[in-house]
Amino acid sequence: MNVLFTFLPKEKQQNRLTEAFPEVSFSFTYHDKTRINDADIIVTYGEDIEAADIRIADRLKWIVVASAGVEKLPAQEILSRGIIVSNVRGIHKTPMSESVLAHLLALKRSLPQLYSQQRDKEWNRKVRSSELAGTTAVILGPGAIGSEIGRLLQAFGVRTIGCNRSGRPAPYMNETVPFTELKTVLPEADAVISVLPSTEETRHMLTDSHFQSMKETAVFMNFGRGDLVSDEILVRALKEGEIGAAVLDVFETEPLPADHAFWTMENVVVSPHVSSHSSKYVERSIDIFIPNLRKFLNGQTDFTNLINLERGY
């Protein structure tokens, strides 16, 4: 049994795997796919596997994506081979929810202004700060990450409204509505927070009319995927004052081009797709991989976090 990692875990993490599975041959590489034709299992971040790789990986039975998003995988080639795909959904909830909360608190308590004043050695007490308590947040995608965001926000006295495909209730949401009713709740939102994946249903889901439905003071936060809304629509909404500000961790084009308007807009915070970063990221990924690998070696395929590539999640 051969397992190919296309990224390098720390040495102690490698040892943890080799000691737990002495019968398995592990290859830990950095974007090196020379042994892909011998691999029964590939563990990847999902961005370096191409259709050509699938065609030569004759033994491949399972792809583990050490990320939540699988949209960059060559889905048709994988589906045609019947290869199993799973991810590590859920490991991002702590760092991402803390990132969302940090950005919201920073804006509410005027931290960017205070940092700027300190650099300029300016003593100015005319700071327009406000509170999270008593506000309302609409959370697009109240799954593992969205629900954790809701839990933290509720602790600060924020009313949370979840929005998902079905409208079924979600943890730590005071209310949940389906996508089809999103516009009915947007006028209530002080913050609109998206952690949605990229699927056919969510690509460019937000239109001009959605931003026109929001408060002029609303903060739009995208921590899911950048193709939820076109850059053109979002830039216009910000410039025309349809919303107050945006905090963006994901973008239609990454890296964000140096000449993009977002870089210089005073009401935009640019975060280079780092909200999920954590020193515990790979450790948590391995925590999910190990019990799934035990199942695989025993001939079972009822893995945690199985992915339906036809749906995209």
Protein backbone atom coordinates (compact mmCIF):
# COMPACT_ATOMS: atom_id res chain seq x y z
CA MET A 1 0.00 0.00 0.00
CA ASN A 2 1.54 3.29 -1.15
CA VAL A 3 0.50 6.71 0.13
CA LEU A 4 1.85 9.80 -1.61
CA PHE A 5 1.81 13.18 0.15
CA THR A 6 2.34 16.10 -2.25
CA PHE A 7 3.22 18.36 0.68
CA LEU A 8 5.63 17.97 3.57
CA PRO A 9 4.22 17.43 7.08
CA LYS A 10 6.58 18.11 9.96
CA GLU A 11 8.94 15.27 10.89
CA LYS A 12 6.98 14.37 14.03
CA GLN A 13 3.79 14.20 11.97
CA GLN A 14 5.48 11.94 9.44
CA ASN A 15 6.71 9.72 12.26
CA ARG A 16 3.22 9.57 13.72
CA LEU A 17 1.94 8.09 10.45
CA THR A 18 4.80 5.68 9.79
CA GLU A 19 4.68 4.35 13.36
CA ALA A 20 0.89 3.91 13.29
CA PHE A 21 0.98 2.12 9.91
CA PRO A 22 4.24 0.16 9.53
CA GLU A 23 2.63 -1.86 6.73
CA VAL A 24 2.12 1.25 4.58
CA SER A 25 4.78 2.89 2.40
CA PHE A 26 4.59 6.68 2.78
CA SER A 27 6.22 9.17 0.39
CA PHE A 28 6.36 12.73 1.71
CA THR A 29 7.24 15.16 -1.07
CA TYR A 30 6.91 18.81 -2.02
CA HIS A 31 4.88 18.95 -5.23
CA ASP A 32 6.81 15.93 -6.49
CA LYS A 33 4.51 13.55 -8.36
CA THR A 34 7.13 11.25 -9.87
CA ARG A 35 5.73 8.34 -7.83
CA ILE A 36 2.11 9.03 -8.62
CA ASN A 37 1.79 5.96 -10.85
CA ASP A 38 2.52 3.76 -7.79
CA ALA A 39 0.18 5.57 -5.41
CA ASP A 40 -2.92 3.89 -4.02
CA ILE A 41 -3.74 7.03 -2.02
CA ILE A 42 -2.79 10.67 -2.65
CA VAL A 43 -2.90 13.30 0.10
CA THR A 44 -2.86 16.79 -1.41
CA TYR A 45 -3.97 20.37 -0.86
CA GLY A 46 -6.00 19.86 -4.04
CA GLU A 47 -4.36 22.42 -6.31
CA ASP A 48 -1.58 20.30 -7.81
CA ILE A 49 -3.54 17.32 -9.16
CA GLU A 50 -4.29 17.55 -12.88
CA ALA A 51 -6.23 15.39 -15.33
CA ALA A 52 -2.96 14.00 -16.73
CA ASP A 53 -1.97 12.81 -13.24
CA ILE A 54 -5.20 10.86 -12.87
CA ARG A 55 -4.70 9.19 -16.25
CA ILE A 56 -1.28 7.77 -15.28
CA ALA A 57 -2.14 6.91 -11.66
CA ASP A 58 -3.25 3.37 -12.49
CA ARG A 59 -3.44 2.21 -8.87
CA LEU A 60 -5.12 5.28 -7.41
CA LYS A 61 -8.24 4.54 -5.34
CA TRP A 62 -8.56 7.47 -2.94
CA ILE A 63 -7.68 11.18 -2.94
CA VAL A 64 -7.51 12.98 0.40
CA VAL A 65 -7.75 16.75 0.07
CA ALA A 66 -6.18 18.45 3.10
CA SER A 67 -8.47 21.42 2.59
CA ALA A 68 -12.21 22.08 2.46
CA GLY A 69 -12.40 23.13 -1.20
CA VAL A 70 -12.21 20.53 -3.97
CA GLU A 71 -13.18 22.72 -6.93
CA LYS A 72 -9.68 22.61 -8.48
CA LEU A 73 -9.62 18.82 -8.79
CA PRO A 74 -10.14 17.32 -12.30
CA ALA A 75 -13.62 16.08 -11.38
CA GLN A 76 -14.58 14.33 -14.61
CA GLU A 77 -11.43 12.20 -14.76
CA ILE A 78 -11.82 11.25 -11.09
CA LEU A 79 -15.51 10.41 -11.49
CA SER A 80 -14.85 8.29 -14.58
CA ARG A 81 -12.37 6.18 -12.59
CA GLY A 82 -14.62 5.84 -9.54
CA ILE A 83 -11.88 7.23 -7.29
CA ILE A 84 -13.00 8.09 -3.74
CA VAL A 85 -12.46 11.69 -2.61
CA SER A 86 -12.59 13.00 0.95
CA ASN A 87 -11.52 16.24 2.58
CA VAL A 88 -10.81 17.63 6.04
CA ARG A 89 -13.95 19.70 6.43
CA GLY A 90 -14.32 20.99 9.97
CA ILE A 91 -10.66 21.59 10.84
CA HIS A 92 -10.93 25.21 9.72
CA LYS A 93 -13.70 26.22 12.07
CA THR A 94 -11.51 27.46 14.93
CA PRO A 95 -8.98 29.61 13.01
CA MET A 96 -11.54 30.91 10.52
CA SER A 97 -14.16 31.82 13.11
CA GLU A 98 -11.49 33.58 15.19
CA SER A 99 -10.36 35.46 12.05
CA VAL A 100 -13.92 36.63 11.33
CA LEU A 101 -14.40 37.73 14.93
CA ALA A 102 -11.02 39.51 14.97
CA HIS A 103 -11.82 41.51 11.85
CA LEU A 104 -15.30 42.43 13.08
CA LEU A 105 -14.04 43.55 16.47
CA ALA A 106 -11.22 45.50 14.84
CA LEU A 107 -13.70 47.43 12.71
CA LYS A 108 -16.19 47.98 15.52
CA ARG A 109 -13.51 49.18 17.94
CA SER A 110 -11.68 51.30 15.32
CA LEU A 111 -8.39 49.40 15.63
CA PRO A 112 -7.13 50.29 12.12
CA GLN A 113 -7.51 53.99 12.98
CA LEU A 114 -5.74 53.54 16.31
CA TYR A 115 -2.86 51.68 14.68
CA SER A 116 -2.53 54.44 12.08
CA GLN A 117 -2.55 57.15 14.75
CA GLN A 118 0.16 55.34 16.69
CA ARG A 119 2.39 55.19 13.60
CA ASP A 120 1.84 58.92 13.13
CA LYS A 121 2.31 59.67 16.88
CA GLU A 122 -1.11 61.30 16.84
CA TRP A 123 -3.11 61.66 20.08
CA ASN A 124 -6.69 61.87 18.79
CA ARG A 125 -9.63 60.71 20.90
CA LYS A 126 -12.18 61.37 18.16
CA VAL A 127 -12.60 57.68 17.40
CA ARG A 128 -15.92 56.42 16.06
CA SER A 129 -16.26 53.07 17.78
CA SER A 130 -19.38 50.93 18.09
CA GLU A 131 -20.36 47.56 19.56
CA LEU A 132 -21.11 44.09 18.31
CA ALA A 133 -23.77 43.62 20.96
CA GLY A 134 -27.25 44.14 19.59
CA THR A 135 -26.27 43.76 15.93
CA THR A 136 -27.41 41.15 13.40
CA ALA A 137 -25.22 38.91 11.24
CA VAL A 138 -26.35 36.92 8.21
CA ILE A 139 -24.12 33.87 7.77
CA LEU A 140 -24.05 32.29 4.32
CA GLY A 141 -23.19 28.64 4.86
CA PRO A 142 -23.96 27.79 8.50
CA GLY A 143 -22.12 24.47 8.44
CA ALA A 144 -19.19 23.56 10.69
CA ILE A 145 -17.39 26.88 10.15
CA GLY A 146 -20.49 29.06 9.93
CA SER A 147 -22.00 27.56 13.07
CA GLU A 148 -18.80 28.19 15.02
CA ILE A 149 -18.86 31.79 13.82
CA GLY A 150 -22.47 31.93 15.02
CA ARG A 151 -21.51 30.53 18.44
CA LEU A 152 -18.84 33.18 18.97
CA LEU A 153 -21.04 36.00 17.72
CA GLN A 154 -23.94 34.97 19.95
CA ALA A 155 -21.57 35.15 22.92
CA PHE A 156 -21.12 38.83 22.02
CA GLY A 157 -24.87 39.40 21.89
CA VAL A 158 -25.22 39.21 18.11
CA ARG A 159 -28.40 37.87 16.51
CA THR A 160 -27.49 35.31 13.85
CA ILE A 161 -29.42 34.39 10.71
CA GLY A 162 -28.16 31.41 8.74
CA CYS A 163 -28.72 30.99 5.02
CA ASN A 164 -28.30 27.64 3.32
CA ARG A 165 -29.70 25.69 0.41
CA SER A 166 -32.57 24.04 2.27
CA GLY A 167 -33.43 26.50 5.00
CA ARG A 168 -33.12 23.74 7.59
CA PRO A 169 -32.21 24.94 11.10
CA ALA A 170 -28.49 25.12 11.87
CA PRO A 171 -26.64 25.24 15.20
CA TYR A 172 -26.15 28.67 16.80
CA MET A 173 -28.52 30.37 14.36
CA ASN A 174 -31.49 32.29 15.74
CA GLU A 175 -33.14 31.77 12.37
CA THR A 176 -32.31 29.98 9.12
CA VAL A 177 -33.60 30.77 5.64
CA PRO A 178 -33.01 29.15 2.23
CA PHE A 179 -30.95 30.84 -0.49
CA THR A 180 -34.18 31.77 -2.24
CA GLU A 181 -35.16 34.00 0.69
CA LEU A 182 -31.78 35.66 1.24
CA LYS A 183 -32.97 39.09 0.06
CA THR A 184 -35.70 39.13 2.71
CA VAL A 185 -33.15 39.10 5.56
CA LEU A 186 -30.33 41.18 4.07
CA PRO A 187 -31.92 44.51 5.11
CA GLU A 188 -31.58 43.38 8.77
CA ALA A 189 -27.87 42.57 8.54
CA ASP A 190 -25.10 44.65 10.05
CA ALA A 191 -22.65 42.01 8.82
CA VAL A 192 -23.01 39.54 5.94
CA ILE A 193 -20.48 36.72 6.33
CA SER A 194 -19.93 34.07 3.66
CA VAL A 195 -18.09 30.80 4.16
CA LEU A 196 -19.72 29.10 1.17
CA PRO A 197 -17.76 26.70 -1.06
CA SER A 198 -17.48 27.17 -4.81
CA THR A 199 -20.23 25.22 -6.58
CA GLU A 200 -22.37 25.78 -9.66
CA GLU A 201 -25.08 27.08 -7.35
CA THR A 202 -22.89 29.57 -5.47
CA ARG A 203 -20.76 30.97 -8.31
CA HIS A 204 -21.78 34.61 -8.75
CA MET A 205 -24.78 33.94 -6.51
CA LEU A 206 -24.66 37.48 -5.14
CA THR A 207 -25.82 40.11 -7.61
CA ASP A 208 -26.28 43.88 -7.66
CA SER A 209 -29.72 43.50 -6.12
CA HIS A 210 -28.32 41.69 -3.08
CA PHE A 211 -25.99 44.58 -2.23
CA GLN A 212 -28.74 47.08 -2.91
CA SER A 213 -30.80 45.21 -0.28
CA MET A 214 -28.13 45.67 2.41
CA LYS A 215 -27.74 48.52 4.87
CA GLU A 216 -25.44 51.33 3.77
CA THR A 217 -23.41 50.59 6.91
CA ALA A 218 -23.25 46.81 6.43
CA VAL A 219 -19.93 44.97 6.40
CA PHE A 220 -19.61 42.24 3.75
CA MET A 221 -17.13 39.51 4.69
CA ASN A 222 -16.10 36.78 2.25
CA PHE A 223 -14.12 33.91 3.77
CA GLY A 224 -15.45 31.15 1.51
CA ARG A 225 -14.62 31.44 -2.18
CA GLY A 226 -13.97 34.51 -4.30
CA ASP A 227 -16.35 33.59 -7.10
CA LEU A 228 -19.41 34.15 -4.88
CA VAL A 229 -19.62 37.67 -6.35
CA SER A 230 -17.92 39.31 -9.31
CA ASP A 231 -15.28 41.92 -8.56
CA GLU A 232 -17.15 44.41 -10.74
CA ILE A 233 -20.34 44.16 -8.67
CA LEU A 234 -18.53 44.35 -5.32
CA VAL A 235 -16.33 47.31 -6.31
CA ARG A 236 -19.39 49.20 -7.52
CA ALA A 237 -21.34 48.46 -4.33
CA LEU A 238 -18.46 49.78 -2.23
CA LYS A 239 -17.80 52.86 -4.35
CA GLU A 240 -21.47 53.81 -4.54
CA GLY A 241 -22.00 53.37 -0.81
CA GLU A 242 -24.50 50.52 -1.07
CA ILE A 243 -22.53 48.87 1.77
CA GLY A 244 -20.11 50.34 4.28
CA ALA A 245 -17.10 48.05 4.04
CA ALA A 246 -15.76 44.68 2.94
CA VAL A 247 -13.34 42.24 4.54
CA LEU A 248 -12.08 39.83 1.89
CA ASP A 249 -9.96 36.74 2.45
CA VAL A 250 -10.75 35.21 -0.96
CA PHE A 251 -10.82 36.67 -4.47
CA GLU A 252 -11.87 35.85 -8.02
CA THR A 253 -8.20 35.93 -9.03
CA GLU A 254 -5.52 34.84 -6.58
CA PRO A 255 -2.99 36.26 -5.95
CA LEU A 256 -4.88 39.54 -6.14
CA PRO A 257 -3.34 41.56 -9.02
CA ALA A 258 -1.20 44.50 -7.88
CA ASP A 259 -3.31 46.97 -9.88
CA HIS A 260 -6.65 45.80 -8.42
CA ALA A 261 -8.91 48.46 -6.91
CA PHE A 262 -9.30 46.53 -3.65
CA TRP A 263 -5.72 47.30 -2.60
CA THR A 264 -6.28 51.03 -2.32
CA MET A 265 -9.94 51.26 -1.24
CA GLU A 266 -10.19 52.67 2.28
CA ASN A 267 -13.30 50.62 3.06
CA VAL A 268 -11.75 47.27 2.07
CA VAL A 269 -9.55 44.95 4.11
CA VAL A 270 -7.47 42.60 1.93
CA SER A 271 -6.45 39.34 3.59
CA PRO A 272 -4.38 37.02 1.32
CA HIS A 273 -6.43 33.82 1.83
CA VAL A 274 -4.93 33.16 5.25
CA SER A 275 -7.96 33.03 7.57
CA SER A 276 -7.66 29.25 7.97
CA HIS A 277 -3.93 29.26 8.69
CA SER A 278 -2.96 27.72 11.99
CA SER A 279 -0.01 25.88 13.45
CA LYS A 280 -2.46 23.03 14.11
CA TYR A 281 -3.70 22.75 10.49
CA VAL A 282 -1.78 19.64 9.37
CA GLU A 283 -2.10 18.02 12.80
CA ARG A 284 -5.89 18.27 12.59
CA SER A 285 -5.85 16.98 9.00
CA ILE A 286 -3.93 13.90 10.14
CA ASP A 287 -6.42 13.40 12.99
CA ILE A 288 -9.10 12.92 10.33
CA PHE A 289 -6.89 10.92 7.94
CA ILE A 290 -5.73 8.25 10.43
CA PRO A 291 -9.14 6.71 11.28
CA ASN A 292 -10.14 6.88 7.62
CA LEU A 293 -6.92 5.09 6.61
CA ARG A 294 -7.65 2.35 9.16
CA LYS A 295 -11.05 1.88 7.55
CA PHE A 296 -9.49 1.79 4.09
CA LEU A 297 -7.01 -0.91 5.11
CA ASN A 298 -9.93 -2.94 6.48
CA GLY A 299 -11.81 -2.69 3.21
CA GLN A 300 -14.27 -0.05 4.42
CA THR A 301 -15.11 3.17 2.58
CA ASP A 302 -17.56 4.89 4.95
CA PHE A 303 -15.05 7.67 5.54
CA THR A 304 -15.50 10.89 7.46
CA ASN A 305 -15.94 13.81 5.03
CA LEU A 306 -16.66 11.92 1.82
CA ILE A 307 -17.08 14.30 -1.13
CA ASN A 308 -19.67 14.11 -3.91
CA LEU A 309 -17.76 15.64 -6.82
CA GLU A 310 -20.91 16.03 -8.89
CA ARG A 311 -22.25 18.44 -6.24
CA GLY A 312 -18.83 19.90 -5.46
CA TYR A 313 -18.94 19.23 -1.70
